[in-house]
Amino acid sequence: MRKLITLTITHGIAAAIGVALGIYFLPVQAAPPSPDAAMLEETSQNALFCADLNRDLRSSDFLHWGEGKISISATDVVHEGKLAPGP
């Protein structure tokens, strides 16, 4: 009985770690290829709104951060810079 409880707990922990890693890495692996810099620059020229991001913003932490520039036009949103990986 003790062995069954131990195996259940250890396998449950391993499964939880696997699910957590899958949730973190799947969006990174399934992401489409990035557009080239020329297309981003051209799209950002037609922006209606622009904003700058840095890691020092109040809502940023070590998992949720962004650096760079966001440009919003009538049909597109362009981010030039870095974003934290994952969900």
N, C-alpha and C. Protein backbone atom coordinates (compact mmCIF):
# COMPACT_ATOMS: atom_id res chain seq x y z
N MET A 1 0.82 -1.20 0.00
CA MET A 1 0.00 0.00 0.00
C MET A 1 0.87 1.27 0.00
N ARG A 2 1.95 1.21 0.78
CA ARG A 2 2.84 2.37 0.85
C ARG A 2 3.51 2.63 -0.50
N LYS A 3 3.87 1.53 -1.19
CA LYS A 3 4.50 1.66 -2.50
C LYS A 3 3.52 2.27 -3.51
N LEU A 4 2.26 1.89 -3.45
CA LEU A 4 1.25 2.43 -4.36
C LEU A 4 1.06 3.93 -4.14
N ILE A 5 1.03 4.35 -2.89
CA ILE A 5 0.88 5.78 -2.59
C ILE A 5 2.10 6.56 -3.08
N THR A 6 3.29 6.02 -2.83
CA THR A 6 4.52 6.68 -3.28
C THR A 6 4.56 6.80 -4.80
N LEU A 7 4.23 5.71 -5.50
CA LEU A 7 4.22 5.75 -6.96
C LEU A 7 3.17 6.73 -7.49
N THR A 8 2.02 6.77 -6.87
CA THR A 8 0.97 7.70 -7.30
C THR A 8 1.42 9.15 -7.13
N ILE A 9 2.04 9.45 -6.01
CA ILE A 9 2.51 10.82 -5.76
C ILE A 9 3.63 11.20 -6.71
N THR A 10 4.63 10.33 -6.88
CA THR A 10 5.76 10.68 -7.74
C THR A 10 5.35 10.79 -9.21
N HIS A 11 4.46 9.89 -9.65
CA HIS A 11 4.00 9.98 -11.04
C HIS A 11 3.10 11.20 -11.24
N GLY A 12 2.34 11.56 -10.24
CA GLY A 12 1.51 12.77 -10.32
C GLY A 12 2.37 14.02 -10.43
N ILE A 13 3.46 14.07 -9.65
CA ILE A 13 4.39 15.20 -9.72
C ILE A 13 5.05 15.27 -11.09
N ALA A 14 5.48 14.11 -11.61
CA ALA A 14 6.11 14.08 -12.94
C ALA A 14 5.13 14.53 -14.02
N ALA A 15 3.89 14.10 -13.92
CA ALA A 15 2.88 14.51 -14.91
C ALA A 15 2.61 16.01 -14.82
N ALA A 16 2.56 16.56 -13.61
CA ALA A 16 2.33 18.00 -13.44
C ALA A 16 3.48 18.81 -14.02
N ILE A 17 4.71 18.35 -13.82
CA ILE A 17 5.87 19.03 -14.39
C ILE A 17 5.82 18.97 -15.91
N GLY A 18 5.46 17.82 -16.46
CA GLY A 18 5.35 17.68 -17.91
C GLY A 18 4.30 18.59 -18.51
N VAL A 19 3.14 18.70 -17.86
CA VAL A 19 2.08 19.58 -18.35
C VAL A 19 2.54 21.04 -18.28
N ALA A 20 3.18 21.43 -17.17
CA ALA A 20 3.65 22.81 -17.03
C ALA A 20 4.69 23.15 -18.10
N LEU A 21 5.62 22.24 -18.36
CA LEU A 21 6.62 22.49 -19.41
C LEU A 21 5.97 22.54 -20.79
N GLY A 22 4.98 21.71 -21.02
CA GLY A 22 4.27 21.74 -22.30
C GLY A 22 3.53 23.04 -22.51
N ILE A 23 2.89 23.54 -21.47
CA ILE A 23 2.17 24.82 -21.56
C ILE A 23 3.15 25.95 -21.84
N TYR A 24 4.34 25.87 -21.26
CA TYR A 24 5.33 26.93 -21.45
C TYR A 24 5.97 26.87 -22.84
N PHE A 25 6.39 25.67 -23.28
CA PHE A 25 7.18 25.56 -24.51
C PHE A 25 6.36 25.42 -25.79
N LEU A 26 5.13 24.95 -25.73
CA LEU A 26 4.36 24.74 -26.95
C LEU A 26 4.14 26.03 -27.74
N PRO A 27 3.76 27.16 -27.11
CA PRO A 27 3.61 28.39 -27.91
C PRO A 27 4.91 28.85 -28.55
N VAL A 28 6.03 28.59 -27.91
CA VAL A 28 7.32 28.98 -28.47
C VAL A 28 7.63 28.14 -29.70
N GLN A 29 7.36 26.83 -29.62
CA GLN A 29 7.66 25.94 -30.74
C GLN A 29 6.66 26.08 -31.88
N ALA A 30 5.42 26.41 -31.58
CA ALA A 30 4.38 26.48 -32.61
C ALA A 30 4.25 27.86 -33.23
N ALA A 31 5.06 28.80 -32.81
CA ALA A 31 4.95 30.18 -33.32
C ALA A 31 5.31 30.22 -34.80
N PRO A 32 4.59 31.02 -35.58
CA PRO A 32 4.93 31.16 -37.00
C PRO A 32 6.23 31.94 -37.15
N PRO A 33 6.87 31.86 -38.31
CA PRO A 33 8.11 32.62 -38.51
C PRO A 33 7.86 34.12 -38.45
N SER A 34 8.85 34.84 -37.98
CA SER A 34 8.74 36.30 -37.85
C SER A 34 8.79 36.97 -39.21
N PRO A 35 8.07 38.08 -39.38
CA PRO A 35 8.17 38.83 -40.63
C PRO A 35 9.52 39.54 -40.70
N ASP A 36 9.93 39.91 -41.90
CA ASP A 36 11.22 40.57 -42.05
C ASP A 36 11.14 42.03 -41.57
N ALA A 37 12.30 42.59 -41.29
CA ALA A 37 12.37 43.94 -40.72
C ALA A 37 11.82 45.01 -41.66
N ALA A 38 11.99 44.83 -42.95
CA ALA A 38 11.50 45.83 -43.91
C ALA A 38 9.98 45.92 -43.87
N MET A 39 9.31 44.77 -43.75
CA MET A 39 7.85 44.79 -43.69
C MET A 39 7.36 45.43 -42.39
N LEU A 40 8.05 45.14 -41.29
CA LEU A 40 7.68 45.76 -40.01
C LEU A 40 7.85 47.27 -40.07
N GLU A 41 8.94 47.72 -40.64
CA GLU A 41 9.20 49.16 -40.74
C GLU A 41 8.15 49.84 -41.61
N GLU A 42 7.81 49.22 -42.73
CA GLU A 42 6.80 49.78 -43.63
C GLU A 42 5.43 49.86 -42.94
N THR A 43 5.07 48.81 -42.23
CA THR A 43 3.77 48.80 -41.55
C THR A 43 3.73 49.81 -40.41
N SER A 44 4.84 49.97 -39.70
CA SER A 44 4.85 50.91 -38.57
C SER A 44 4.81 52.37 -39.04
N GLN A 45 5.15 52.64 -40.29
CA GLN A 45 5.08 54.01 -40.81
C GLN A 45 3.64 54.51 -40.90
N ASN A 46 2.68 53.60 -41.05
CA ASN A 46 1.26 53.95 -41.17
C ASN A 46 0.54 53.92 -39.82
N ALA A 47 1.27 53.98 -38.73
CA ALA A 47 0.68 53.81 -37.41
C ALA A 47 -0.18 55.01 -37.00
N LEU A 48 -1.29 54.69 -36.37
CA LEU A 48 -2.14 55.73 -35.78
C LEU A 48 -1.68 56.03 -34.35
N PHE A 49 -1.19 54.99 -33.67
CA PHE A 49 -0.73 55.12 -32.28
C PHE A 49 0.60 54.39 -32.13
N CYS A 50 1.46 54.91 -31.24
CA CYS A 50 2.74 54.28 -30.94
C CYS A 50 2.96 54.29 -29.44
N ALA A 51 3.67 53.29 -28.94
CA ALA A 51 4.01 53.22 -27.52
C ALA A 51 5.37 52.57 -27.38
N ASP A 52 6.11 52.98 -26.37
CA ASP A 52 7.40 52.37 -26.06
C ASP A 52 7.25 51.51 -24.82
N LEU A 53 7.88 50.33 -24.84
CA LEU A 53 7.86 49.41 -23.71
C LEU A 53 9.25 49.29 -23.13
N ASN A 54 9.32 49.12 -21.81
CA ASN A 54 10.58 48.79 -21.16
C ASN A 54 10.29 47.88 -19.98
N ARG A 55 11.31 47.25 -19.45
CA ARG A 55 11.13 46.29 -18.35
C ARG A 55 10.79 46.95 -17.03
N ASP A 56 10.93 48.26 -16.93
CA ASP A 56 10.71 48.95 -15.66
C ASP A 56 9.25 49.34 -15.43
N LEU A 57 8.34 48.92 -16.29
CA LEU A 57 6.92 49.25 -16.09
C LEU A 57 6.39 48.56 -14.84
N ARG A 58 5.40 49.16 -14.22
CA ARG A 58 4.88 48.69 -12.95
C ARG A 58 4.37 47.25 -13.02
N SER A 59 3.75 46.85 -14.11
CA SER A 59 3.15 45.52 -14.20
C SER A 59 4.12 44.45 -14.74
N SER A 60 5.37 44.80 -15.01
CA SER A 60 6.34 43.83 -15.51
C SER A 60 6.93 43.03 -14.37
N ASP A 61 7.20 41.74 -14.63
CA ASP A 61 7.96 40.91 -13.71
C ASP A 61 8.89 40.02 -14.52
N PHE A 62 9.55 39.04 -13.90
CA PHE A 62 10.55 38.27 -14.62
C PHE A 62 9.95 37.34 -15.67
N LEU A 63 8.65 37.06 -15.63
CA LEU A 63 8.00 36.22 -16.63
C LEU A 63 7.20 37.02 -17.65
N HIS A 64 6.80 38.23 -17.30
CA HIS A 64 5.91 39.04 -18.15
C HIS A 64 6.54 40.41 -18.37
N TRP A 65 7.23 40.57 -19.49
CA TRP A 65 7.89 41.83 -19.78
C TRP A 65 7.97 42.02 -21.29
N GLY A 66 8.24 43.23 -21.69
CA GLY A 66 8.44 43.54 -23.09
C GLY A 66 9.34 44.76 -23.22
N GLU A 67 10.14 44.78 -24.27
CA GLU A 67 11.00 45.92 -24.58
C GLU A 67 10.82 46.24 -26.05
N GLY A 68 10.79 47.51 -26.38
CA GLY A 68 10.71 47.89 -27.78
C GLY A 68 9.61 48.90 -28.04
N LYS A 69 9.08 48.85 -29.27
CA LYS A 69 8.09 49.82 -29.72
C LYS A 69 6.89 49.08 -30.29
N ILE A 70 5.68 49.53 -29.94
CA ILE A 70 4.45 48.99 -30.50
C ILE A 70 3.81 50.07 -31.35
N SER A 71 3.44 49.72 -32.57
CA SER A 71 2.76 50.63 -33.49
C SER A 71 1.42 50.01 -33.87
N ILE A 72 0.35 50.80 -33.78
CA ILE A 72 -0.99 50.31 -34.08
C ILE A 72 -1.56 51.12 -35.24
N SER A 73 -1.93 50.42 -36.31
CA SER A 73 -2.59 51.07 -37.45
C SER A 73 -4.04 50.59 -37.49
N ALA A 74 -4.76 50.97 -38.52
CA ALA A 74 -6.17 50.57 -38.64
C ALA A 74 -6.32 49.06 -38.82
N THR A 75 -5.32 48.40 -39.39
CA THR A 75 -5.44 46.97 -39.67
C THR A 75 -4.35 46.11 -39.04
N ASP A 76 -3.28 46.69 -38.52
CA ASP A 76 -2.15 45.91 -38.03
C ASP A 76 -1.65 46.41 -36.69
N VAL A 77 -1.01 45.49 -35.97
CA VAL A 77 -0.27 45.83 -34.75
C VAL A 77 1.15 45.31 -34.96
N VAL A 78 2.14 46.18 -34.79
CA VAL A 78 3.54 45.82 -35.01
C VAL A 78 4.30 46.01 -33.71
N HIS A 79 5.06 44.98 -33.33
CA HIS A 79 5.96 45.09 -32.18
C HIS A 79 7.38 44.90 -32.67
N GLU A 80 8.23 45.87 -32.42
CA GLU A 80 9.65 45.78 -32.76
C GLU A 80 10.42 45.79 -31.45
N GLY A 81 11.02 44.66 -31.10
CA GLY A 81 11.76 44.56 -29.86
C GLY A 81 11.73 43.14 -29.34
N LYS A 82 11.74 43.00 -28.02
CA LYS A 82 11.76 41.69 -27.38
C LYS A 82 10.55 41.54 -26.46
N LEU A 83 10.03 40.32 -26.39
CA LEU A 83 8.97 39.97 -25.46
C LEU A 83 9.40 38.75 -24.67
N ALA A 84 8.89 38.61 -23.46
CA ALA A 84 9.16 37.42 -22.68
C ALA A 84 8.57 36.21 -23.39
N PRO A 85 9.29 35.09 -23.44
CA PRO A 85 8.74 33.90 -24.09
C PRO A 85 7.67 33.25 -23.22
N GLY A 86 6.83 32.49 -23.86
CA GLY A 86 5.83 31.73 -23.13
C GLY A 86 4.49 32.43 -23.05
N PRO A 87 3.60 31.82 -22.29
CA PRO A 87 2.22 32.32 -22.25
C PRO A 87 2.07 33.64 -21.55
